[in-house]
Amino acid sequence: MLGVANAGWTRRDAPERRGFPSMRITNANQLATYSVKVFTRAGWVCWRQNNVAVCDRGQYRRFVGLKGVSDVIGFHATTGRFLAVEIKVGRDRLSPEQESFLQSVERAGGLGLIVRHADDLKPYLIP
């Protein structure tokens, strides 16, 4: 099990200190960050995946990746199982591409999740 410092937890947001949920989640950005922390602490190697076009040094670079790739992706450090987490807050809905990607992950034996609230991560918290 990873220690609190290794997983990127601060003393203030560590689950052991404040209980669940351990930080105030008000938007998709915070929920994605929290998801990475929870899964990292549970033994997954994961990161946020940028899936949009970017403006870099005044130039617009179009998106050239795979449509529908989840917001957080990674793998389990021990088993190698693939992880795909789609973050949806409020009235956000899955696009057909996102739904197809998650189904592909599940068919291949990976873990594909839709996370709408911090409570959805409760089963993955390490006591």
N, C-alpha and C. Protein backbone atom coordinates (compact mmCIF):
# COMPACT_ATOMS: atom_id res chain seq x y z
N MET A 1 0.84 -1.18 0.00
CA MET A 1 0.00 0.00 0.00
C MET A 1 0.88 1.24 0.00
N LEU A 2 0.54 2.19 -0.83
CA LEU A 2 1.31 3.43 -0.90
C LEU A 2 1.02 4.30 0.31
N GLY A 3 2.03 4.98 0.77
CA GLY A 3 1.84 5.90 1.89
C GLY A 3 1.16 7.17 1.44
N VAL A 4 0.69 7.94 2.37
CA VAL A 4 -0.02 9.18 2.07
C VAL A 4 0.86 10.12 1.26
N ALA A 5 2.11 10.29 1.63
CA ALA A 5 2.99 11.22 0.93
C ALA A 5 3.24 10.75 -0.51
N ASN A 6 3.39 9.44 -0.72
CA ASN A 6 3.67 8.92 -2.05
C ASN A 6 2.49 9.05 -3.00
N ALA A 7 1.29 9.11 -2.49
CA ALA A 7 0.11 9.17 -3.34
C ALA A 7 -0.30 10.60 -3.66
N GLY A 8 0.41 11.58 -3.15
CA GLY A 8 0.06 12.96 -3.43
C GLY A 8 -0.98 13.54 -2.50
N TRP A 9 -1.30 12.83 -1.42
CA TRP A 9 -2.26 13.35 -0.46
C TRP A 9 -1.58 14.40 0.41
N THR A 10 -2.30 15.41 0.76
CA THR A 10 -1.81 16.35 1.76
C THR A 10 -2.40 15.92 3.10
N ARG A 11 -1.86 16.45 4.17
CA ARG A 11 -2.40 16.11 5.49
C ARG A 11 -3.88 16.47 5.58
N ARG A 12 -4.26 17.58 4.95
CA ARG A 12 -5.64 18.06 5.05
C ARG A 12 -6.62 17.15 4.33
N ASP A 13 -6.24 16.58 3.16
CA ASP A 13 -7.21 15.80 2.40
C ASP A 13 -7.02 14.29 2.52
N ALA A 14 -6.15 13.83 3.41
CA ALA A 14 -5.93 12.39 3.59
C ALA A 14 -7.18 11.72 4.17
N PRO A 15 -7.61 10.60 3.59
CA PRO A 15 -8.83 9.95 4.06
C PRO A 15 -8.79 9.56 5.53
N GLU A 16 -7.60 9.16 6.03
CA GLU A 16 -7.52 8.72 7.43
C GLU A 16 -7.84 9.86 8.39
N ARG A 17 -7.58 11.08 7.97
CA ARG A 17 -7.74 12.20 8.87
C ARG A 17 -9.16 12.73 8.93
N ARG A 18 -9.81 12.86 7.78
CA ARG A 18 -11.10 13.54 7.75
C ARG A 18 -12.26 12.64 7.38
N GLY A 19 -12.04 11.40 7.04
CA GLY A 19 -13.13 10.55 6.61
C GLY A 19 -13.44 10.78 5.14
N PHE A 20 -14.49 10.13 4.65
CA PHE A 20 -14.84 10.21 3.24
C PHE A 20 -16.06 11.09 3.04
N PRO A 21 -16.17 11.93 2.00
CA PRO A 21 -15.11 12.28 1.07
C PRO A 21 -14.10 13.18 1.74
N SER A 22 -12.87 13.12 1.29
CA SER A 22 -11.81 13.78 2.01
C SER A 22 -11.42 15.14 1.44
N MET A 23 -12.12 15.61 0.43
CA MET A 23 -11.89 16.97 -0.04
C MET A 23 -13.17 17.48 -0.67
N ARG A 24 -13.32 18.79 -0.70
CA ARG A 24 -14.52 19.39 -1.28
C ARG A 24 -14.43 19.34 -2.80
N ILE A 25 -15.35 18.64 -3.43
CA ILE A 25 -15.39 18.49 -4.88
C ILE A 25 -16.48 19.41 -5.41
N THR A 26 -16.11 20.37 -6.24
CA THR A 26 -17.10 21.29 -6.78
C THR A 26 -17.15 21.30 -8.30
N ASN A 27 -16.18 20.68 -8.97
CA ASN A 27 -16.20 20.66 -10.43
C ASN A 27 -15.48 19.43 -10.97
N ALA A 28 -15.55 19.25 -12.28
CA ALA A 28 -14.96 18.07 -12.92
C ALA A 28 -13.45 18.02 -12.76
N ASN A 29 -12.80 19.16 -12.78
CA ASN A 29 -11.35 19.22 -12.62
C ASN A 29 -10.94 18.66 -11.26
N GLN A 30 -11.61 19.07 -10.21
CA GLN A 30 -11.31 18.58 -8.87
C GLN A 30 -11.63 17.09 -8.74
N LEU A 31 -12.73 16.65 -9.36
CA LEU A 31 -13.10 15.24 -9.29
C LEU A 31 -12.07 14.37 -10.02
N ALA A 32 -11.55 14.84 -11.13
CA ALA A 32 -10.51 14.10 -11.85
C ALA A 32 -9.23 14.02 -11.03
N THR A 33 -8.84 15.12 -10.41
CA THR A 33 -7.65 15.14 -9.56
C THR A 33 -7.81 14.19 -8.39
N TYR A 34 -8.98 14.23 -7.76
CA TYR A 34 -9.27 13.35 -6.63
C TYR A 34 -9.25 11.89 -7.07
N SER A 35 -9.79 11.60 -8.25
CA SER A 35 -9.80 10.23 -8.77
C SER A 35 -8.39 9.69 -8.93
N VAL A 36 -7.51 10.51 -9.49
CA VAL A 36 -6.11 10.09 -9.66
C VAL A 36 -5.49 9.78 -8.30
N LYS A 37 -5.75 10.60 -7.31
CA LYS A 37 -5.20 10.37 -5.97
C LYS A 37 -5.71 9.07 -5.37
N VAL A 38 -7.01 8.83 -5.48
CA VAL A 38 -7.61 7.63 -4.92
C VAL A 38 -7.03 6.38 -5.58
N PHE A 39 -7.00 6.35 -6.90
CA PHE A 39 -6.50 5.17 -7.60
C PHE A 39 -5.00 4.98 -7.42
N THR A 40 -4.25 6.05 -7.36
CA THR A 40 -2.81 5.94 -7.12
C THR A 40 -2.55 5.30 -5.76
N ARG A 41 -3.29 5.73 -4.78
CA ARG A 41 -3.13 5.19 -3.43
C ARG A 41 -3.55 3.73 -3.36
N ALA A 42 -4.46 3.32 -4.26
CA ALA A 42 -4.94 1.94 -4.27
C ALA A 42 -4.07 1.02 -5.15
N GLY A 43 -2.93 1.52 -5.61
CA GLY A 43 -2.00 0.66 -6.34
C GLY A 43 -2.05 0.78 -7.86
N TRP A 44 -2.74 1.79 -8.37
CA TRP A 44 -2.82 2.00 -9.81
C TRP A 44 -1.80 3.07 -10.22
N VAL A 45 -1.27 2.94 -11.42
CA VAL A 45 -0.45 3.99 -12.02
C VAL A 45 -1.39 4.67 -13.01
N CYS A 46 -1.77 5.91 -12.73
CA CYS A 46 -2.75 6.57 -13.59
C CYS A 46 -2.45 8.05 -13.72
N TRP A 47 -3.07 8.66 -14.71
CA TRP A 47 -2.85 10.07 -15.00
C TRP A 47 -4.07 10.61 -15.73
N ARG A 48 -4.14 11.94 -15.74
CA ARG A 48 -5.20 12.61 -16.49
C ARG A 48 -4.78 12.68 -17.94
N GLN A 49 -5.71 12.35 -18.81
CA GLN A 49 -5.44 12.32 -20.24
C GLN A 49 -6.07 13.54 -20.89
N ASN A 50 -5.26 14.37 -21.52
CA ASN A 50 -5.77 15.54 -22.22
C ASN A 50 -6.34 15.12 -23.57
N ASN A 51 -7.62 15.39 -23.79
CA ASN A 51 -8.30 14.93 -25.00
C ASN A 51 -8.85 16.07 -25.85
N VAL A 52 -8.29 17.24 -25.71
CA VAL A 52 -8.82 18.39 -26.44
C VAL A 52 -7.72 19.09 -27.21
N ALA A 53 -8.14 19.91 -28.15
CA ALA A 53 -7.19 20.73 -28.88
C ALA A 53 -6.61 21.77 -27.93
N VAL A 54 -5.40 22.25 -28.23
CA VAL A 54 -4.75 23.23 -27.37
C VAL A 54 -4.25 24.42 -28.16
N CYS A 55 -4.14 25.54 -27.47
CA CYS A 55 -3.53 26.72 -28.05
C CYS A 55 -2.15 26.84 -27.43
N ASP A 56 -1.11 26.76 -28.25
CA ASP A 56 0.26 26.76 -27.77
C ASP A 56 1.04 27.87 -28.46
N ARG A 57 1.54 28.81 -27.66
CA ARG A 57 2.33 29.94 -28.18
C ARG A 57 1.61 30.68 -29.31
N GLY A 58 0.32 30.89 -29.10
CA GLY A 58 -0.47 31.63 -30.07
C GLY A 58 -0.94 30.83 -31.27
N GLN A 59 -0.58 29.56 -31.34
CA GLN A 59 -1.02 28.71 -32.45
C GLN A 59 -1.98 27.65 -31.93
N TYR A 60 -3.02 27.44 -32.70
CA TYR A 60 -4.01 26.44 -32.36
C TYR A 60 -3.59 25.10 -32.95
N ARG A 61 -3.49 24.09 -32.08
CA ARG A 61 -3.16 22.74 -32.54
C ARG A 61 -4.40 21.88 -32.38
N ARG A 62 -4.86 21.31 -33.47
CA ARG A 62 -6.07 20.50 -33.41
C ARG A 62 -5.81 19.18 -32.70
N PHE A 63 -6.88 18.58 -32.24
CA PHE A 63 -6.81 17.30 -31.54
C PHE A 63 -6.55 16.19 -32.55
N VAL A 64 -5.54 15.37 -32.31
CA VAL A 64 -5.20 14.29 -33.23
C VAL A 64 -5.23 12.91 -32.56
N GLY A 65 -5.75 12.83 -31.36
CA GLY A 65 -5.77 11.57 -30.63
C GLY A 65 -7.00 10.74 -30.96
N LEU A 66 -7.28 9.76 -30.12
CA LEU A 66 -8.43 8.88 -30.27
C LEU A 66 -9.64 9.51 -29.60
N LYS A 67 -10.71 9.71 -30.36
CA LYS A 67 -11.93 10.29 -29.79
C LYS A 67 -12.53 9.33 -28.76
N GLY A 68 -12.99 9.89 -27.66
CA GLY A 68 -13.66 9.09 -26.64
C GLY A 68 -12.76 8.54 -25.54
N VAL A 69 -11.44 8.79 -25.62
CA VAL A 69 -10.54 8.30 -24.58
C VAL A 69 -10.93 8.96 -23.26
N SER A 70 -10.91 8.18 -22.20
CA SER A 70 -11.36 8.65 -20.89
C SER A 70 -10.47 9.74 -20.32
N ASP A 71 -11.01 10.44 -19.31
CA ASP A 71 -10.31 11.55 -18.66
C ASP A 71 -9.13 11.09 -17.83
N VAL A 72 -9.25 9.94 -17.21
CA VAL A 72 -8.18 9.36 -16.40
C VAL A 72 -7.92 7.96 -16.94
N ILE A 73 -6.67 7.67 -17.26
CA ILE A 73 -6.32 6.33 -17.72
C ILE A 73 -5.10 5.84 -16.97
N GLY A 74 -4.90 4.54 -16.97
CA GLY A 74 -3.74 3.98 -16.29
C GLY A 74 -3.80 2.47 -16.26
N PHE A 75 -3.01 1.88 -15.36
CA PHE A 75 -2.95 0.43 -15.22
C PHE A 75 -2.62 0.09 -13.78
N HIS A 76 -2.99 -1.12 -13.37
CA HIS A 76 -2.69 -1.55 -12.01
C HIS A 76 -1.22 -1.97 -11.95
N ALA A 77 -0.52 -1.49 -10.95
CA ALA A 77 0.93 -1.71 -10.85
C ALA A 77 1.30 -3.18 -10.69
N THR A 78 0.43 -3.99 -10.12
CA THR A 78 0.74 -5.40 -9.89
C THR A 78 0.17 -6.29 -10.99
N THR A 79 -1.08 -6.09 -11.34
CA THR A 79 -1.75 -6.99 -12.28
C THR A 79 -1.65 -6.54 -13.73
N GLY A 80 -1.41 -5.26 -13.96
CA GLY A 80 -1.36 -4.72 -15.32
C GLY A 80 -2.73 -4.43 -15.90
N ARG A 81 -3.78 -4.60 -15.13
CA ARG A 81 -5.15 -4.34 -15.61
C ARG A 81 -5.29 -2.88 -16.00
N PHE A 82 -5.92 -2.64 -17.15
CA PHE A 82 -6.09 -1.29 -17.67
C PHE A 82 -7.22 -0.57 -16.94
N LEU A 83 -7.07 0.73 -16.75
CA LEU A 83 -8.05 1.56 -16.05
C LEU A 83 -8.47 2.72 -16.96
N ALA A 84 -9.76 2.94 -17.06
CA ALA A 84 -10.31 4.09 -17.80
C ALA A 84 -11.42 4.69 -16.95
N VAL A 85 -11.29 5.96 -16.60
CA VAL A 85 -12.28 6.64 -15.76
C VAL A 85 -12.79 7.86 -16.51
N GLU A 86 -14.08 7.88 -16.75
CA GLU A 86 -14.72 9.02 -17.40
C GLU A 86 -15.36 9.88 -16.31
N ILE A 87 -15.01 11.15 -16.28
CA ILE A 87 -15.53 12.07 -15.27
C ILE A 87 -16.72 12.83 -15.85
N LYS A 88 -17.84 12.76 -15.17
CA LYS A 88 -19.05 13.48 -15.59
C LYS A 88 -19.66 14.15 -14.37
N VAL A 89 -19.88 15.44 -14.46
CA VAL A 89 -20.43 16.21 -13.34
C VAL A 89 -21.68 16.93 -13.82
N GLY A 90 -22.67 17.00 -12.94
CA GLY A 90 -23.90 17.71 -13.28
C GLY A 90 -24.67 17.01 -14.39
N ARG A 91 -25.02 17.77 -15.42
CA ARG A 91 -25.82 17.22 -16.52
C ARG A 91 -24.97 16.66 -17.65
N ASP A 92 -23.67 16.60 -17.46
CA ASP A 92 -22.78 16.02 -18.47
C ASP A 92 -23.22 14.61 -18.83
N ARG A 93 -23.14 14.27 -20.11
CA ARG A 93 -23.50 12.93 -20.56
C ARG A 93 -22.35 12.33 -21.38
N LEU A 94 -22.32 11.02 -21.43
CA LEU A 94 -21.32 10.33 -22.25
C LEU A 94 -21.61 10.55 -23.72
N SER A 95 -20.57 10.80 -24.49
CA SER A 95 -20.72 10.83 -25.94
C SER A 95 -20.72 9.38 -26.43
N PRO A 96 -21.20 9.14 -27.65
CA PRO A 96 -21.15 7.77 -28.17
C PRO A 96 -19.72 7.22 -28.21
N GLU A 97 -18.74 8.07 -28.52
CA GLU A 97 -17.34 7.64 -28.56
C GLU A 97 -16.84 7.26 -27.17
N GLN A 98 -17.22 8.02 -26.15
CA GLN A 98 -16.81 7.72 -24.79
C GLN A 98 -17.43 6.40 -24.31
N GLU A 99 -18.69 6.22 -24.62
CA GLU A 99 -19.38 4.98 -24.24
C GLU A 99 -18.73 3.78 -24.93
N SER A 100 -18.41 3.93 -26.20
CA SER A 100 -17.76 2.86 -26.95
C SER A 100 -16.38 2.53 -26.38
N PHE A 101 -15.62 3.56 -26.00
CA PHE A 101 -14.29 3.34 -25.42
C PHE A 101 -14.39 2.56 -24.12
N LEU A 102 -15.30 2.96 -23.23
CA LEU A 102 -15.46 2.26 -21.96
C LEU A 102 -15.90 0.81 -22.18
N GLN A 103 -16.77 0.57 -23.14
CA GLN A 103 -17.20 -0.80 -23.43
C GLN A 103 -16.03 -1.62 -23.96
N SER A 104 -15.18 -1.02 -24.78
CA SER A 104 -14.00 -1.73 -25.30
C SER A 104 -13.05 -2.11 -24.18
N VAL A 105 -12.87 -1.19 -23.23
CA VAL A 105 -11.99 -1.47 -22.08
C VAL A 105 -12.55 -2.64 -21.29
N GLU A 106 -13.85 -2.63 -21.02
CA GLU A 106 -14.47 -3.71 -20.25
C GLU A 106 -14.37 -5.04 -20.99
N ARG A 107 -14.63 -5.04 -22.30
CA ARG A 107 -14.55 -6.28 -23.09
C ARG A 107 -13.14 -6.87 -23.06
N ALA A 108 -12.13 -6.00 -22.97
CA ALA A 108 -10.74 -6.46 -22.97
C ALA A 108 -10.27 -6.86 -21.57
N GLY A 109 -11.15 -6.77 -20.57
CA GLY A 109 -10.79 -7.18 -19.22
C GLY A 109 -10.32 -6.05 -18.33
N GLY A 110 -10.40 -4.81 -18.81
CA GLY A 110 -10.00 -3.66 -18.01
C GLY A 110 -11.12 -3.17 -17.13
N LEU A 111 -10.85 -2.12 -16.39
CA LEU A 111 -11.83 -1.50 -15.50
C LEU A 111 -12.24 -0.17 -16.12
N GLY A 112 -13.47 -0.08 -16.58
CA GLY A 112 -14.00 1.15 -17.16
C GLY A 112 -15.08 1.71 -16.27
N LEU A 113 -14.90 2.94 -15.80
CA LEU A 113 -15.83 3.54 -14.84
C LEU A 113 -16.33 4.90 -15.30
N ILE A 114 -17.53 5.22 -14.86
CA ILE A 114 -18.04 6.59 -14.98
C ILE A 114 -18.13 7.10 -13.55
N VAL A 115 -17.44 8.21 -13.28
CA VAL A 115 -17.44 8.79 -11.94
C VAL A 115 -18.17 10.13 -12.00
N ARG A 116 -19.27 10.21 -11.27
CA ARG A 116 -20.08 11.44 -11.24
C ARG A 116 -19.94 12.20 -9.92
N HIS A 117 -19.46 11.49 -8.89
CA HIS A 117 -19.37 12.09 -7.55
C HIS A 117 -18.26 11.38 -6.79
N ALA A 118 -17.72 12.04 -5.80
CA ALA A 118 -16.66 11.44 -4.98
C ALA A 118 -17.11 10.12 -4.35
N ASP A 119 -18.40 9.98 -4.06
CA ASP A 119 -18.91 8.73 -3.48
C ASP A 119 -18.71 7.53 -4.39
N ASP A 120 -18.63 7.77 -5.71
CA ASP A 120 -18.40 6.67 -6.64
C ASP A 120 -17.02 6.05 -6.46
N LEU A 121 -16.12 6.76 -5.81
CA LEU A 121 -14.75 6.27 -5.59
C LEU A 121 -14.58 5.56 -4.27
N LYS A 122 -15.61 5.56 -3.44
CA LYS A 122 -15.52 4.97 -2.11
C LYS A 122 -15.04 3.53 -2.10
N PRO A 123 -15.49 2.67 -3.04
CA PRO A 123 -15.00 1.27 -3.02
C PRO A 123 -13.50 1.14 -3.27
N TYR A 124 -12.86 2.17 -3.80
CA TYR A 124 -11.45 2.09 -4.14
C TYR A 124 -10.54 2.72 -3.09
N LEU A 125 -11.12 3.31 -2.05
CA LEU A 125 -10.32 3.89 -0.97
C LEU A 125 -9.68 2.78 -0.15
N ILE A 126 -8.42 2.95 0.16
CA ILE A 126 -7.71 2.00 1.01
C ILE A 126 -7.85 2.46 2.45
N PRO A 127 -8.35 1.60 3.35
CA PRO A 127 -8.51 2.02 4.75
C PRO A 127 -7.18 2.26 5.43
